[in-house]
Amino acid sequence: TLSLMQMAKISSVLQIHQAQKKLLYIAILTYPTTGGVTASFGMLGDIII
């Protein structure tokens, strides 16, 4: 449950980072990237490598 709360906090801060401050978020996915990381933080990036 703690990790889910942290994920919500980071996602909301990332939204502020991208929308209000108009900054770029580059997600670099390396092997092995698990499904949870890909679904939560990985696909939120403006550029995904």
Protein backbone atom coordinates (compact mmCIF):
# COMPACT_ATOMS: atom_id res chain seq x y z
CA THR A 1 0.00 0.00 0.00
CA LEU A 2 2.87 2.38 0.69
CA SER A 3 4.20 1.92 -2.83
CA LEU A 4 0.78 2.73 -4.31
CA MET A 5 0.61 5.96 -2.31
CA GLN A 6 4.11 6.92 -3.46
CA MET A 7 3.16 6.17 -7.07
CA ALA A 8 0.18 8.54 -6.81
CA LYS A 9 2.37 11.29 -5.33
CA ILE A 10 5.03 10.93 -8.01
CA SER A 11 2.44 10.83 -10.80
CA SER A 12 0.81 14.04 -9.59
CA VAL A 13 4.17 15.81 -9.28
CA LEU A 14 5.05 14.59 -12.76
CA GLN A 15 1.78 16.08 -14.06
CA ILE A 16 2.77 19.45 -12.58
CA HIS A 17 6.26 19.05 -14.08
CA GLN A 18 4.86 18.41 -17.55
CA ALA A 19 1.75 20.59 -17.74
CA GLN A 20 2.32 23.66 -15.61
CA LYS A 21 6.07 24.10 -15.92
CA LYS A 22 6.11 22.81 -19.51
CA LEU A 23 9.20 20.69 -18.94
CA LEU A 24 10.13 17.56 -20.85
CA TYR A 25 10.04 14.14 -19.18
CA ILE A 26 12.18 11.48 -20.84
CA ALA A 27 11.60 7.91 -19.66
CA ILE A 28 14.50 5.53 -20.27
CA LEU A 29 13.34 1.92 -19.96
CA THR A 30 16.09 -0.66 -19.50
CA TYR A 31 16.01 -4.43 -19.40
CA PRO A 32 14.36 -5.82 -17.35
CA THR A 33 11.59 -3.26 -16.92
CA THR A 34 8.71 -4.85 -15.05
CA GLY A 35 5.05 -4.40 -15.96
CA GLY A 36 4.29 -2.19 -12.97
CA VAL A 37 7.01 0.32 -13.80
CA THR A 38 6.06 0.35 -17.46
CA ALA A 39 2.37 0.87 -16.69
CA SER A 40 2.91 3.56 -14.07
CA PHE A 41 5.94 5.74 -14.79
CA GLY A 42 7.32 4.49 -18.07
CA MET A 43 4.40 5.43 -20.29
CA LEU A 44 3.97 8.90 -18.78
CA GLY A 45 7.04 10.23 -20.55
CA ASP A 46 7.01 12.69 -23.41
CA ILE A 47 9.84 10.71 -24.99
CA ILE A 48 10.26 7.00 -24.23
CA ILE A 49 13.61 5.36 -24.96
